[in-house]
């Protein structure tokens, strides 16, 4: 049986048809007291006693309920987007995971960084749920999981209730589809009984990001924003805020969010801003834009009578990431996608930054 109410990653990307509420993205503190507990009482996610020992049951609260994990899971399943990358990065091959529905260049449903890690771990025949049109509950149940990871997902309460009949489910903390790569590692590793390993993975990934960004000092301090412009209709466009993984990652690379756009964020916790072309002056502070598109995107932006006057666009300071490619799929990063694509991403941004006066 399949639920047609399941939101896909592509739905988020095509944000013009989103119906998701503009709510807070998941708590960026690793180990919130309100989100997870070890034992019967809610406690901090790290203990001062023995961080190497995991006590059960583990209770992880989230937006749709709470997951109670009675013992260390032997069989880990993941659904939706990039949750499987956390398990793989921690050396665990999921008993099943969702096919990628964006950025895949072949029929496998597996993005290249995932395929590379599967090969490294010796998995030649992974169990991929073909659930891009709705969760395949039967396939998930058949994989007989002990826990289902869905920290980065858009599952509904109905989906969650059905999945919970199969195994404990770790859903998003507050809002669908906005869990940062840190949140993905934090809550998924916690559910796997690998919290300490997850914290080390976060530290390693942070160091990688810092080291790579330091190789490109020309981007440091540049005012940058990640947007989505539809060349066929430029009457309105969308800019992701730092509450969205795309906007946040630009800041992690050492860039700054433009003040003129901060002023447009009515809800400080919203993950995108919708603007009409008449509000293009809100883009005036940005020095660099990153957007999905193709070889015609920049030309269309520059030819537009309104957007073409925006300094960054007029100067060609636009990083266009080809739509539906692995690099575009890495726009909402995971630990594996960061490692796989960061050099290419930084090179594109750097090439633009070097042209600025």
C-alpha atoms as a PDB file:
ATOM      1  CA  UNK A   1       0.000   0.000   0.000  1.00  0.00           C
ATOM      2  CA  UNK A   2       1.236   3.495  -0.731  1.00  0.00           C
ATOM      3  CA  UNK A   3       0.443   6.895   0.655  1.00  0.00           C
ATOM      4  CA  UNK A   4       0.028   9.555  -1.989  1.00  0.00           C
ATOM      5  CA  UNK A   5       0.315  12.225   0.714  1.00  0.00           C
ATOM      6  CA  UNK A   6       4.071  11.751   1.094  1.00  0.00           C
ATOM      7  CA  UNK A   7       5.980  14.949   0.227  1.00  0.00           C
ATOM      8  CA  UNK A   8       9.031  14.447  -1.989  1.00  0.00           C
ATOM      9  CA  UNK A   9      12.326  16.283  -1.980  1.00  0.00           C
ATOM     10  CA  UNK A  10      11.539  17.521  -5.469  1.00  0.00           C
ATOM     11  CA  UNK A  11       8.379  19.127  -4.068  1.00  0.00           C
ATOM     12  CA  UNK A  12      10.524  21.177  -1.735  1.00  0.00           C
ATOM     13  CA  UNK A  13      12.869  22.139  -4.524  1.00  0.00           C
ATOM     14  CA  UNK A  14       9.949  23.356  -6.645  1.00  0.00           C
ATOM     15  CA  UNK A  15       9.006  25.624  -3.828  1.00  0.00           C
ATOM     16  CA  UNK A  16       6.374  27.511  -5.793  1.00  0.00           C
ATOM     17  CA  UNK A  17       3.936  24.698  -5.125  1.00  0.00           C
ATOM     18  CA  UNK A  18       4.861  24.115  -1.518  1.00  0.00           C
ATOM     19  CA  UNK A  19       2.048  24.100   0.974  1.00  0.00           C
ATOM     20  CA  UNK A  20       4.296  23.533   3.952  1.00  0.00           C
ATOM     21  CA  UNK A  21       3.899  25.962   6.826  1.00  0.00           C
ATOM     22  CA  UNK A  22       6.673  28.480   7.361  1.00  0.00           C
ATOM     23  CA  UNK A  23       7.834  27.141  10.662  1.00  0.00           C
ATOM     24  CA  UNK A  24      11.052  26.775  12.525  1.00  0.00           C
ATOM     25  CA  UNK A  25      13.631  24.405  11.268  1.00  0.00           C
ATOM     26  CA  UNK A  26      14.873  21.789  13.619  1.00  0.00           C
ATOM     27  CA  UNK A  27      16.788  22.779  16.722  1.00  0.00           C
ATOM     28  CA  UNK A  28      20.393  23.364  15.755  1.00  0.00           C
ATOM     29  CA  UNK A  29      21.692  22.456  19.173  1.00  0.00           C
ATOM     30  CA  UNK A  30      22.955  18.885  19.165  1.00  0.00           C
ATOM     31  CA  UNK A  31      21.242  17.056  21.954  1.00  0.00           C
ATOM     32  CA  UNK A  32      18.266  19.220  22.939  1.00  0.00           C
ATOM     33  CA  UNK A  33      16.790  18.403  26.342  1.00  0.00           C
ATOM     34  CA  UNK A  34      13.320  18.531  24.813  1.00  0.00           C
ATOM     35  CA  UNK A  35      14.176  16.160  22.006  1.00  0.00           C
ATOM     36  CA  UNK A  36      15.894  13.114  23.361  1.00  0.00           C
ATOM     37  CA  UNK A  37      16.311  11.154  26.530  1.00  0.00           C
ATOM     38  CA  UNK A  38      18.203   8.148  27.743  1.00  0.00           C
ATOM     39  CA  UNK A  39      16.232   6.037  30.153  1.00  0.00           C
ATOM     40  CA  UNK A  40      12.847   6.995  31.510  1.00  0.00           C
ATOM     41  CA  UNK A  41      13.534  10.705  32.095  1.00  0.00           C
ATOM     42  CA  UNK A  42      14.428  13.441  29.608  1.00  0.00           C
ATOM     43  CA  UNK A  43      18.092  14.331  29.987  1.00  0.00           C
ATOM     44  CA  UNK A  44      20.833  16.033  28.032  1.00  0.00           C
ATOM     45  CA  UNK A  45      21.965  13.916  25.069  1.00  0.00           C
ATOM     46  CA  UNK A  46      25.482  13.674  26.461  1.00  0.00           C
ATOM     47  CA  UNK A  47      26.122  12.309  29.908  1.00  0.00           C
ATOM     48  CA  UNK A  48      28.960  13.329  32.174  1.00  0.00           C
ATOM     49  CA  UNK A  49      29.368   9.765  33.360  1.00  0.00           C
ATOM     50  CA  UNK A  50      30.244   7.411  30.529  1.00  0.00           C
ATOM     51  CA  UNK A  51      29.781   8.781  27.035  1.00  0.00           C
ATOM     52  CA  UNK A  52      30.964   5.533  25.501  1.00  0.00           C
ATOM     53  CA  UNK A  53      28.076   3.512  26.941  1.00  0.00           C
ATOM     54  CA  UNK A  54      24.559   3.843  25.575  1.00  0.00           C
ATOM     55  CA  UNK A  55      21.754   3.215  28.012  1.00  0.00           C
ATOM     56  CA  UNK A  56      18.397   1.921  26.868  1.00  0.00           C
ATOM     57  CA  UNK A  57      15.635   2.636  26.270  1.00  0.00           C
ATOM     58  CA  UNK A  58      16.496   5.681  24.188  1.00  0.00           C
ATOM     59  CA  UNK A  59      13.557   8.063  23.778  1.00  0.00           C
ATOM     60  CA  UNK A  60      13.692  10.627  20.980  1.00  0.00           C
ATOM     61  CA  UNK A  61      10.897  13.174  20.849  1.00  0.00           C
ATOM     62  CA  UNK A  62      10.020  14.741  17.514  1.00  0.00           C
ATOM     63  CA  UNK A  63       7.254  16.626  15.723  1.00  0.00           C
ATOM     64  CA  UNK A  64       5.006  13.591  15.220  1.00  0.00           C
ATOM     65  CA  UNK A  65       5.473  11.788  18.528  1.00  0.00           C
ATOM     66  CA  UNK A  66       8.382   9.952  20.076  1.00  0.00           C
ATOM     67  CA  UNK A  67      10.557   6.998  19.183  1.00  0.00           C
ATOM     68  CA  UNK A  68      11.334   4.521  21.935  1.00  0.00           C
ATOM     69  CA  UNK A  69      14.302   2.298  21.108  1.00  0.00           C
ATOM     70  CA  UNK A  70      14.518  -0.536  23.621  1.00  0.00           C
ATOM     71  CA  UNK A  71      17.893  -1.921  22.509  1.00  0.00           C
ATOM     72  CA  UNK A  72      20.610  -1.231  19.966  1.00  0.00           C
ATOM     73  CA  UNK A  73      19.055  -1.673  16.504  1.00  0.00           C
ATOM     74  CA  UNK A  74      20.561  -4.405  14.392  1.00  0.00           C
ATOM     75  CA  UNK A  75      18.486  -3.639  11.315  1.00  0.00           C
ATOM     76  CA  UNK A  76      18.286   0.035  10.338  1.00  0.00           C
ATOM     77  CA  UNK A  77      15.921   1.264   7.619  1.00  0.00           C
ATOM     78  CA  UNK A  78      15.779   4.814   6.290  1.00  0.00           C
ATOM     79  CA  UNK A  79      13.230   6.677   4.210  1.00  0.00           C
ATOM     80  CA  UNK A  80      13.047   9.950   2.304  1.00  0.00           C
ATOM     81  CA  UNK A  81      16.197  11.977   1.671  1.00  0.00           C
ATOM     82  CA  UNK A  82      19.814  11.516   2.905  1.00  0.00           C
ATOM     83  CA  UNK A  83      19.039   9.717   6.168  1.00  0.00           C
ATOM     84  CA  UNK A  84      20.721   6.640   4.708  1.00  0.00           C
ATOM     85  CA  UNK A  85      23.877   8.708   4.202  1.00  0.00           C
ATOM     86  CA  UNK A  86      24.176   9.094   7.969  1.00  0.00           C
ATOM     87  CA  UNK A  87      23.948   5.342   8.524  1.00  0.00           C
ATOM     88  CA  UNK A  88      26.460   4.672   5.747  1.00  0.00           C
ATOM     89  CA  UNK A  89      28.867   7.317   7.019  1.00  0.00           C
ATOM     90  CA  UNK A  90      28.778   5.517  10.370  1.00  0.00           C
ATOM     91  CA  UNK A  91      29.572   2.203   8.657  1.00  0.00           C
ATOM     92  CA  UNK A  92      26.053   0.744   8.729  1.00  0.00           C
ATOM     93  CA  UNK A  93      24.355  -0.449   5.528  1.00  0.00           C
ATOM     94  CA  UNK A  94      20.599   0.061   5.879  1.00  0.00           C
ATOM     95  CA  UNK A  95      18.348  -2.952   5.322  1.00  0.00           C
ATOM     96  CA  UNK A  96      16.447  -0.632   2.996  1.00  0.00           C
ATOM     97  CA  UNK A  97      16.444   3.027   1.949  1.00  0.00           C
ATOM     98  CA  UNK A  98      14.443   5.289  -0.338  1.00  0.00           C
ATOM     99  CA  UNK A  99      15.396   5.846  -3.952  1.00  0.00           C
ATOM    100  CA  UNK A 100      16.657   9.346  -4.674  1.00  0.00           C
ATOM    101  CA  UNK A 101      14.153  11.245  -6.779  1.00  0.00           C
ATOM    102  CA  UNK A 102      16.365  14.153  -7.805  1.00  0.00           C
ATOM    103  CA  UNK A 103      19.842  14.460  -9.240  1.00  0.00           C
ATOM    104  CA  UNK A 104      20.243  10.796 -10.179  1.00  0.00           C
ATOM    105  CA  UNK A 105      21.869  10.262 -13.567  1.00  0.00           C
ATOM    106  CA  UNK A 106      20.964   6.582 -14.044  1.00  0.00           C
ATOM    107  CA  UNK A 107      18.249   4.070 -13.180  1.00  0.00           C
ATOM    108  CA  UNK A 108      19.644   3.005  -9.805  1.00  0.00           C
ATOM    109  CA  UNK A 109      17.911   5.645  -7.700  1.00  0.00           C
ATOM    110  CA  UNK A 110      21.232   6.079  -5.905  1.00  0.00           C
ATOM    111  CA  UNK A 111      23.306   9.263  -5.858  1.00  0.00           C
ATOM    112  CA  UNK A 112      27.042   8.905  -6.523  1.00  0.00           C
ATOM    113  CA  UNK A 113      28.276   9.563  -2.977  1.00  0.00           C
ATOM    114  CA  UNK A 114      25.868   6.935  -1.678  1.00  0.00           C
ATOM    115  CA  UNK A 115      26.991   4.464  -4.340  1.00  0.00           C
ATOM    116  CA  UNK A 116      30.634   5.127  -3.509  1.00  0.00           C
ATOM    117  CA  UNK A 117      30.076   4.444   0.195  1.00  0.00           C
ATOM    118  CA  UNK A 118      28.052   1.312  -0.485  1.00  0.00           C
ATOM    119  CA  UNK A 119      30.925  -0.020  -2.582  1.00  0.00           C
ATOM    120  CA  UNK A 120      33.405   0.843   0.158  1.00  0.00           C
ATOM    121  CA  UNK A 121      31.296  -1.097   2.670  1.00  0.00           C
ATOM    122  CA  UNK A 122      31.050  -4.076   0.314  1.00  0.00           C
ATOM    123  CA  UNK A 123      27.328  -3.813  -0.428  1.00  0.00           C
ATOM    124  CA  UNK A 124      26.708  -4.744  -4.065  1.00  0.00           C
ATOM    125  CA  UNK A 125      22.945  -5.234  -3.962  1.00  0.00           C
ATOM    126  CA  UNK A 126      21.317  -2.653  -1.682  1.00  0.00           C
ATOM    127  CA  UNK A 127      17.604  -2.800  -0.974  1.00  0.00           C
ATOM    128  CA  UNK A 128      16.174   0.403  -2.449  1.00  0.00           C
ATOM    129  CA  UNK A 129      12.559   1.312  -1.737  1.00  0.00           C
ATOM    130  CA  UNK A 130      10.867   2.576  -4.888  1.00  0.00           C
ATOM    131  CA  UNK A 131       8.741   5.059  -3.011  1.00  0.00           C
ATOM    132  CA  UNK A 132       9.113   8.332  -4.869  1.00  0.00           C
ATOM    133  CA  UNK A 133       5.357   8.404  -5.488  1.00  0.00           C
ATOM    134  CA  UNK A 134       4.522   7.514  -1.895  1.00  0.00           C
ATOM    135  CA  UNK A 135       5.928   5.351   0.836  1.00  0.00           C
ATOM    136  CA  UNK A 136       5.983   1.655   0.024  1.00  0.00           C
ATOM    137  CA  UNK A 137       4.943   0.409   3.451  1.00  0.00           C
ATOM    138  CA  UNK A 138       4.969  -3.209   2.343  1.00  0.00           C
ATOM    139  CA  UNK A 139       8.579  -3.032   1.160  1.00  0.00           C
ATOM    140  CA  UNK A 140       9.593  -1.273   4.357  1.00  0.00           C
ATOM    141  CA  UNK A 141       7.846  -3.901   6.478  1.00  0.00           C
ATOM    142  CA  UNK A 142       9.386  -6.710   4.437  1.00  0.00           C
ATOM    143  CA  UNK A 143      12.868  -5.404   5.259  1.00  0.00           C
ATOM    144  CA  UNK A 144      12.058  -6.105   8.925  1.00  0.00           C
ATOM    145  CA  UNK A 145      13.728  -3.038  10.478  1.00  0.00           C
ATOM    146  CA  UNK A 146      14.366  -2.427  14.171  1.00  0.00           C
ATOM    147  CA  UNK A 147      14.234   1.342  13.632  1.00  0.00           C
ATOM    148  CA  UNK A 148      13.243   3.680  10.778  1.00  0.00           C
ATOM    149  CA  UNK A 149      15.239   6.881  10.299  1.00  0.00           C
ATOM    150  CA  UNK A 150      13.298   9.837   8.879  1.00  0.00           C
ATOM    151  CA  UNK A 151      14.920  12.895  10.456  1.00  0.00           C
ATOM    152  CA  UNK A 152      15.088  14.584   7.070  1.00  0.00           C
ATOM    153  CA  UNK A 153      11.710  13.866   5.545  1.00  0.00           C
ATOM    154  CA  UNK A 154       8.233  15.201   4.921  1.00  0.00           C
ATOM    155  CA  UNK A 155       6.187  12.318   6.285  1.00  0.00           C
ATOM    156  CA  UNK A 156       2.677  13.075   7.456  1.00  0.00           C
ATOM    157  CA  UNK A 157       1.113  12.035  10.727  1.00  0.00           C
ATOM    158  CA  UNK A 158      -0.740   9.319   8.831  1.00  0.00           C
ATOM    159  CA  UNK A 159       2.522   8.054   7.352  1.00  0.00           C
ATOM    160  CA  UNK A 160       4.146   8.120  10.760  1.00  0.00           C
ATOM    161  CA  UNK A 161       1.327   6.210  12.418  1.00  0.00           C
ATOM    162  CA  UNK A 162       1.537   3.478   9.790  1.00  0.00           C
ATOM    163  CA  UNK A 163       5.327   3.266   9.925  1.00  0.00           C
ATOM    164  CA  UNK A 164       5.234   3.080  13.722  1.00  0.00           C
ATOM    165  CA  UNK A 165       3.377  -0.210  13.425  1.00  0.00           C
ATOM    166  CA  UNK A 166       6.513  -1.564  11.718  1.00  0.00           C
ATOM    167  CA  UNK A 167       9.239  -0.120  13.973  1.00  0.00           C
ATOM    168  CA  UNK A 168      10.078   2.995  16.011  1.00  0.00           C
ATOM    169  CA  UNK A 169      10.336   6.026  13.712  1.00  0.00           C
ATOM    170  CA  UNK A 170      12.590   9.057  14.195  1.00  0.00           C
ATOM    171  CA  UNK A 171      10.901  11.924  12.335  1.00  0.00           C
ATOM    172  CA  UNK A 172      11.885  15.586  11.946  1.00  0.00           C
ATOM    173  CA  UNK A 173      12.103  17.742  15.038  1.00  0.00           C
ATOM    174  CA  UNK A 174       9.671  20.488  14.036  1.00  0.00           C
ATOM    175  CA  UNK A 175       9.329  21.178  10.322  1.00  0.00           C
ATOM    176  CA  UNK A 176       9.325  18.866   7.269  1.00  0.00           C
ATOM    177  CA  UNK A 177      12.326  18.931   4.964  1.00  0.00           C
ATOM    178  CA  UNK A 178      14.561  21.417   6.780  1.00  0.00           C
ATOM    179  CA  UNK A 179      16.755  19.296   9.069  1.00  0.00           C
ATOM    180  CA  UNK A 180      20.362  20.430   8.755  1.00  0.00           C
ATOM    181  CA  UNK A 181      23.130  17.933   8.124  1.00  0.00           C
ATOM    182  CA  UNK A 182      24.032  18.237  11.813  1.00  0.00           C
ATOM    183  CA  UNK A 183      20.487  17.440  12.895  1.00  0.00           C
ATOM    184  CA  UNK A 184      20.415  14.480  10.543  1.00  0.00           C
ATOM    185  CA  UNK A 185      23.547  13.065  12.127  1.00  0.00           C
ATOM    186  CA  UNK A 186      22.544  13.940  15.674  1.00  0.00           C
ATOM    187  CA  UNK A 187      19.131  12.293  15.782  1.00  0.00           C
ATOM    188  CA  UNK A 188      19.777   9.444  13.366  1.00  0.00           C
ATOM    189  CA  UNK A 189      22.972   8.397  15.146  1.00  0.00           C
ATOM    190  CA  UNK A 190      21.184   8.643  18.473  1.00  0.00           C
ATOM    191  CA  UNK A 191      18.491   6.293  17.202  1.00  0.00           C
ATOM    192  CA  UNK A 192      21.169   3.851  16.054  1.00  0.00           C
ATOM    193  CA  UNK A 193      22.755   3.788  19.493  1.00  0.00           C
ATOM    194  CA  UNK A 194      25.788   5.530  17.996  1.00  0.00           C
ATOM    195  CA  UNK A 195      25.538   9.014  19.477  1.00  0.00           C
ATOM    196  CA  UNK A 196      29.246   9.285  20.302  1.00  0.00           C
ATOM    197  CA  UNK A 197      30.192   8.197  16.770  1.00  0.00           C
ATOM    198  CA  UNK A 198      27.696  10.712  15.407  1.00  0.00           C
ATOM    199  CA  UNK A 199      29.277  13.553  17.341  1.00  0.00           C
ATOM    200  CA  UNK A 200      32.675  12.574  15.971  1.00  0.00           C
ATOM    201  CA  UNK A 201      31.251  12.540  12.442  1.00  0.00           C
ATOM    202  CA  UNK A 202      29.927  16.065  13.008  1.00  0.00           C
ATOM    203  CA  UNK A 203      33.344  17.217  14.218  1.00  0.00           C
ATOM    204  CA  UNK A 204      35.091  15.588  11.253  1.00  0.00           C
ATOM    205  CA  UNK A 205      32.647  17.149   8.787  1.00  0.00           C
ATOM    206  CA  UNK A 206      33.007  20.585  10.366  1.00  0.00           C
ATOM    207  CA  UNK A 207      36.788  20.329  10.044  1.00  0.00           C
ATOM    208  CA  UNK A 208      36.478  19.273   6.404  1.00  0.00           C
ATOM    209  CA  UNK A 209      34.251  22.272   5.645  1.00  0.00           C
ATOM    210  CA  UNK A 210      36.611  24.669   7.413  1.00  0.00           C
ATOM    211  CA  UNK A 211      39.710  23.262   5.769  1.00  0.00           C
ATOM    212  CA  UNK A 212      38.178  23.399   2.297  1.00  0.00           C
ATOM    213  CA  UNK A 213      36.797  26.915   2.813  1.00  0.00           C
ATOM    214  CA  UNK A 214      40.224  28.100   3.945  1.00  0.00           C
ATOM    215  CA  UNK A 215      41.551  27.105   0.531  1.00  0.00           C
ATOM    216  CA  UNK A 216      39.317  29.814  -0.972  1.00  0.00           C
ATOM    217  CA  UNK A 217      39.890  33.012   1.058  1.00  0.00           C
ATOM    218  CA  UNK A 218      38.385  35.058  -1.764  1.00  0.00           C
ATOM    219  CA  UNK A 219      34.864  33.970  -0.762  1.00  0.00           C
ATOM    220  CA  UNK A 220      35.201  34.812   2.927  1.00  0.00           C
ATOM    221  CA  UNK A 221      32.854  37.588   3.996  1.00  0.00           C
ATOM    222  CA  UNK A 222      31.124  37.824   0.627  1.00  0.00           C
ATOM    223  CA  UNK A 223      27.405  38.508   0.924  1.00  0.00           C
ATOM    224  CA  UNK A 224      25.717  35.536  -0.714  1.00  0.00           C
ATOM    225  CA  UNK A 225      22.266  34.003  -0.987  1.00  0.00           C
ATOM    226  CA  UNK A 226      20.840  30.813  -2.467  1.00  0.00           C
ATOM    227  CA  UNK A 227      17.764  31.422  -4.581  1.00  0.00           C
ATOM    228  CA  UNK A 228      15.450  29.795  -7.052  1.00  0.00           C
ATOM    229  CA  UNK A 229      14.589  31.656 -10.225  1.00  0.00           C
ATOM    230  CA  UNK A 230      12.349  30.232 -12.920  1.00  0.00           C
ATOM    231  CA  UNK A 231      13.598  31.639 -16.205  1.00  0.00           C
ATOM    232  CA  UNK A 232      10.155  31.042 -17.749  1.00  0.00           C
ATOM    233  CA  UNK A 233       8.469  33.250 -15.147  1.00  0.00           C
ATOM    234  CA  UNK A 234      10.564  35.850 -13.363  1.00  0.00           C
ATOM    235  CA  UNK A 235       7.588  37.726 -11.959  1.00  0.00           C
ATOM    236  CA  UNK A 236       8.413  36.117  -8.632  1.00  0.00           C
ATOM    237  CA  UNK A 237      11.322  34.225  -7.144  1.00  0.00           C
ATOM    238  CA  UNK A 238      12.451  32.600  -3.914  1.00  0.00           C
ATOM    239  CA  UNK A 239      15.436  33.109  -1.649  1.00  0.00           C
ATOM    240  CA  UNK A 240      16.330  30.556   1.010  1.00  0.00           C
ATOM    241  CA  UNK A 241      17.050  31.927   4.464  1.00  0.00           C
ATOM    242  CA  UNK A 242      19.818  30.723   6.799  1.00  0.00           C
ATOM    243  CA  UNK A 243      17.137  28.569   8.445  1.00  0.00           C
ATOM    244  CA  UNK A 244      17.240  26.380   5.322  1.00  0.00           C
ATOM    245  CA  UNK A 245      20.181  23.972   4.860  1.00  0.00           C
ATOM    246  CA  UNK A 246      21.154  25.710   1.601  1.00  0.00           C
ATOM    247  CA  UNK A 247      21.356  29.155   3.161  1.00  0.00           C
ATOM    248  CA  UNK A 248      23.041  27.870   6.278  1.00  0.00           C
ATOM    249  CA  UNK A 249      25.734  26.049   4.316  1.00  0.00           C
ATOM    250  CA  UNK A 250      26.801  29.257   2.548  1.00  0.00           C
ATOM    251  CA  UNK A 251      27.410  30.780   5.959  1.00  0.00           C
ATOM    252  CA  UNK A 252      29.389  27.727   7.025  1.00  0.00           C
ATOM    253  CA  UNK A 253      31.644  28.328   4.044  1.00  0.00           C
ATOM    254  CA  UNK A 254      32.438  31.783   5.435  1.00  0.00           C
ATOM    255  CA  UNK A 255      29.978  33.943   3.525  1.00  0.00           C
ATOM    256  CA  UNK A 256      27.403  36.321   4.992  1.00  0.00           C
ATOM    257  CA  UNK A 257      23.669  36.651   4.482  1.00  0.00           C
ATOM    258  CA  UNK A 258      22.744  40.020   2.894  1.00  0.00           C
ATOM    259  CA  UNK A 259      21.196  42.558   5.260  1.00  0.00           C
ATOM    260  CA  UNK A 260      18.671  43.673   2.625  1.00  0.00           C
ATOM    261  CA  UNK A 261      17.285  40.129   2.566  1.00  0.00           C
ATOM    262  CA  UNK A 262      17.230  39.829   6.352  1.00  0.00           C
ATOM    263  CA  UNK A 263      14.861  42.784   6.348  1.00  0.00           C
ATOM    264  CA  UNK A 264      12.484  40.848   4.070  1.00  0.00           C
ATOM    265  CA  UNK A 265      12.226  37.912   6.444  1.00  0.00           C
ATOM    266  CA  UNK A 266       9.005  38.686   8.262  1.00  0.00           C
ATOM    267  CA  UNK A 267       9.127  35.407  10.113  1.00  0.00           C
ATOM    268  CA  UNK A 268      12.629  35.008  11.515  1.00  0.00           C
ATOM    269  CA  UNK A 269      12.194  31.242  11.518  1.00  0.00           C
ATOM    270  CA  UNK A 270      10.928  30.828   7.949  1.00  0.00           C
ATOM    271  CA  UNK A 271      13.135  28.926   5.549  1.00  0.00           C
ATOM    272  CA  UNK A 272      12.442  30.916   2.391  1.00  0.00           C
ATOM    273  CA  UNK A 273      11.376  34.349   1.238  1.00  0.00           C
ATOM    274  CA  UNK A 274       8.974  34.764  -1.662  1.00  0.00           C
ATOM    275  CA  UNK A 275       9.460  38.024  -3.527  1.00  0.00           C
ATOM    276  CA  UNK A 276       7.935  39.581  -6.608  1.00  0.00           C
ATOM    277  CA  UNK A 277      10.099  41.170  -9.272  1.00  0.00           C
ATOM    278  CA  UNK A 278       8.958  44.573  -8.036  1.00  0.00           C
ATOM    279  CA  UNK A 279      10.844  43.847  -4.818  1.00  0.00           C
ATOM    280  CA  UNK A 280      14.105  43.193  -6.624  1.00  0.00           C
ATOM    281  CA  UNK A 281      15.771  46.001  -4.673  1.00  0.00           C
ATOM    282  CA  UNK A 282      15.805  43.581  -1.744  1.00  0.00           C
ATOM    283  CA  UNK A 283      18.606  41.827  -3.607  1.00  0.00           C
ATOM    284  CA  UNK A 284      20.780  44.919  -3.784  1.00  0.00           C
ATOM    285  CA  UNK A 285      23.178  43.939  -0.974  1.00  0.00           C
ATOM    286  CA  UNK A 286      23.958  40.498  -2.354  1.00  0.00           C
ATOM    287  CA  UNK A 287      27.337  40.134  -4.032  1.00  0.00           C
ATOM    288  CA  UNK A 288      26.821  36.540  -5.149  1.00  0.00           C
ATOM    289  CA  UNK A 289      23.749  34.442  -5.914  1.00  0.00           C
ATOM    290  CA  UNK A 290      23.601  30.678  -6.130  1.00  0.00           C
ATOM    291  CA  UNK A 291      20.660  29.197  -8.003  1.00  0.00           C
ATOM    292  CA  UNK A 292      19.461  26.091  -9.792  1.00  0.00           C
ATOM    293  CA  UNK A 293      19.181  26.443 -13.545  1.00  0.00           C
ATOM    294  CA  UNK A 294      20.897  25.820 -16.870  1.00  0.00           C
ATOM    295  CA  UNK A 295      22.996  27.616 -19.449  1.00  0.00           C
ATOM    296  CA  UNK A 296      20.119  30.035 -20.150  1.00  0.00           C
ATOM    297  CA  UNK A 297      19.413  31.078 -16.561  1.00  0.00           C
ATOM    298  CA  UNK A 298      21.915  33.926 -16.224  1.00  0.00           C
ATOM    299  CA  UNK A 299      21.051  35.296 -19.669  1.00  0.00           C
ATOM    300  CA  UNK A 300      17.357  35.311 -18.752  1.00  0.00           C
ATOM    301  CA  UNK A 301      18.047  37.072 -15.455  1.00  0.00           C
ATOM    302  CA  UNK A 302      20.208  39.709 -17.101  1.00  0.00           C
ATOM    303  CA  UNK A 303      17.658  40.259 -19.875  1.00  0.00           C
ATOM    304  CA  UNK A 304      14.837  40.849 -17.406  1.00  0.00           C
ATOM    305  CA  UNK A 305      14.057  44.594 -17.240  1.00  0.00           C
ATOM    306  CA  UNK A 306      13.842  44.525 -13.439  1.00  0.00           C
ATOM    307  CA  UNK A 307      16.061  41.707 -12.191  1.00  0.00           C
ATOM    308  CA  UNK A 308      18.674  42.663 -14.755  1.00  0.00           C
ATOM    309  CA  UNK A 309      19.327  45.851 -12.799  1.00  0.00           C
ATOM    310  CA  UNK A 310      20.307  43.992  -9.627  1.00  0.00           C
ATOM    311  CA  UNK A 311      24.067  44.594  -9.249  1.00  0.00           C
ATOM    312  CA  UNK A 312      25.088  40.959  -8.700  1.00  0.00           C
ATOM    313  CA  UNK A 313      22.987  39.785 -11.636  1.00  0.00           C
ATOM    314  CA  UNK A 314      24.095  42.641 -13.885  1.00  0.00           C
ATOM    315  CA  UNK A 315      27.725  41.791 -13.066  1.00  0.00           C
ATOM    316  CA  UNK A 316      27.192  38.094 -13.756  1.00  0.00           C
ATOM    317  CA  UNK A 317      27.957  37.125 -10.152  1.00  0.00           C
ATOM    318  CA  UNK A 318      25.559  34.192 -10.288  1.00  0.00           C
ATOM    319  CA  UNK A 319      26.568  30.602  -9.611  1.00  0.00           C
ATOM    320  CA  UNK A 320      24.242  28.454 -11.685  1.00  0.00           C
ATOM    321  CA  UNK A 321      24.058  24.835 -10.567  1.00  0.00           C
ATOM    322  CA  UNK A 322      22.639  22.707 -13.322  1.00  0.00           C
ATOM    323  CA  UNK A 323      19.220  21.468 -12.316  1.00  0.00           C
ATOM    324  CA  UNK A 324      18.674  17.788 -11.524  1.00  0.00           C
ATOM    325  CA  UNK A 325      22.368  16.961 -11.221  1.00  0.00           C
ATOM    326  CA  UNK A 326      24.254  15.429  -8.288  1.00  0.00           C
ATOM    327  CA  UNK A 327      25.652  18.848  -7.362  1.00  0.00           C
ATOM    328  CA  UNK A 328      22.144  20.287  -7.311  1.00  0.00           C
ATOM    329  CA  UNK A 329      21.025  17.377  -5.151  1.00  0.00           C
ATOM    330  CA  UNK A 330      23.843  18.226  -2.740  1.00  0.00           C
ATOM    331  CA  UNK A 331      22.330  21.675  -2.234  1.00  0.00           C
ATOM    332  CA  UNK A 332      20.681  20.287   0.870  1.00  0.00           C
ATOM    333  CA  UNK A 333      23.814  18.667   2.215  1.00  0.00           C
ATOM    334  CA  UNK A 334      24.499  15.423   4.026  1.00  0.00           C
ATOM    335  CA  UNK A 335      27.812  14.324   5.486  1.00  0.00           C
ATOM    336  CA  UNK A 336      28.537  12.167   2.423  1.00  0.00           C
ATOM    337  CA  UNK A 337      27.415  14.708  -0.170  1.00  0.00           C
ATOM    338  CA  UNK A 338      29.508  17.444   1.448  1.00  0.00           C
ATOM    339  CA  UNK A 339      32.665  15.368   1.174  1.00  0.00           C
ATOM    340  CA  UNK A 340      31.853  14.327  -2.401  1.00  0.00           C
ATOM    341  CA  UNK A 341      30.896  17.744  -3.836  1.00  0.00           C
ATOM    342  CA  UNK A 342      32.506  20.471  -1.723  1.00  0.00           C
ATOM    343  CA  UNK A 343      35.474  20.971  -4.047  1.00  0.00           C
ATOM    344  CA  UNK A 344      33.241  21.445  -7.093  1.00  0.00           C
ATOM    345  CA  UNK A 345      30.862  23.716  -5.194  1.00  0.00           C
ATOM    346  CA  UNK A 346      33.636  25.913  -3.827  1.00  0.00           C
ATOM    347  CA  UNK A 347      35.293  26.134  -7.233  1.00  0.00           C
ATOM    348  CA  UNK A 348      32.094  27.462  -8.803  1.00  0.00           C
ATOM    349  CA  UNK A 349      31.634  30.040  -6.047  1.00  0.00           C
ATOM    350  CA  UNK A 350      35.312  30.963  -6.091  1.00  0.00           C
ATOM    351  CA  UNK A 351      35.319  31.543  -9.843  1.00  0.00           C
ATOM    352  CA  UNK A 352      32.544  34.077  -9.413  1.00  0.00           C
ATOM    353  CA  UNK A 353      34.074  35.689  -6.327  1.00  0.00           C
ATOM    354  CA  UNK A 354      37.385  36.255  -8.107  1.00  0.00           C
ATOM    355  CA  UNK A 355      35.593  38.400 -10.698  1.00  0.00           C
ATOM    356  CA  UNK A 356      34.287  40.836  -8.099  1.00  0.00           C
ATOM    357  CA  UNK A 357      36.024  44.154  -7.742  1.00  0.00           C
END
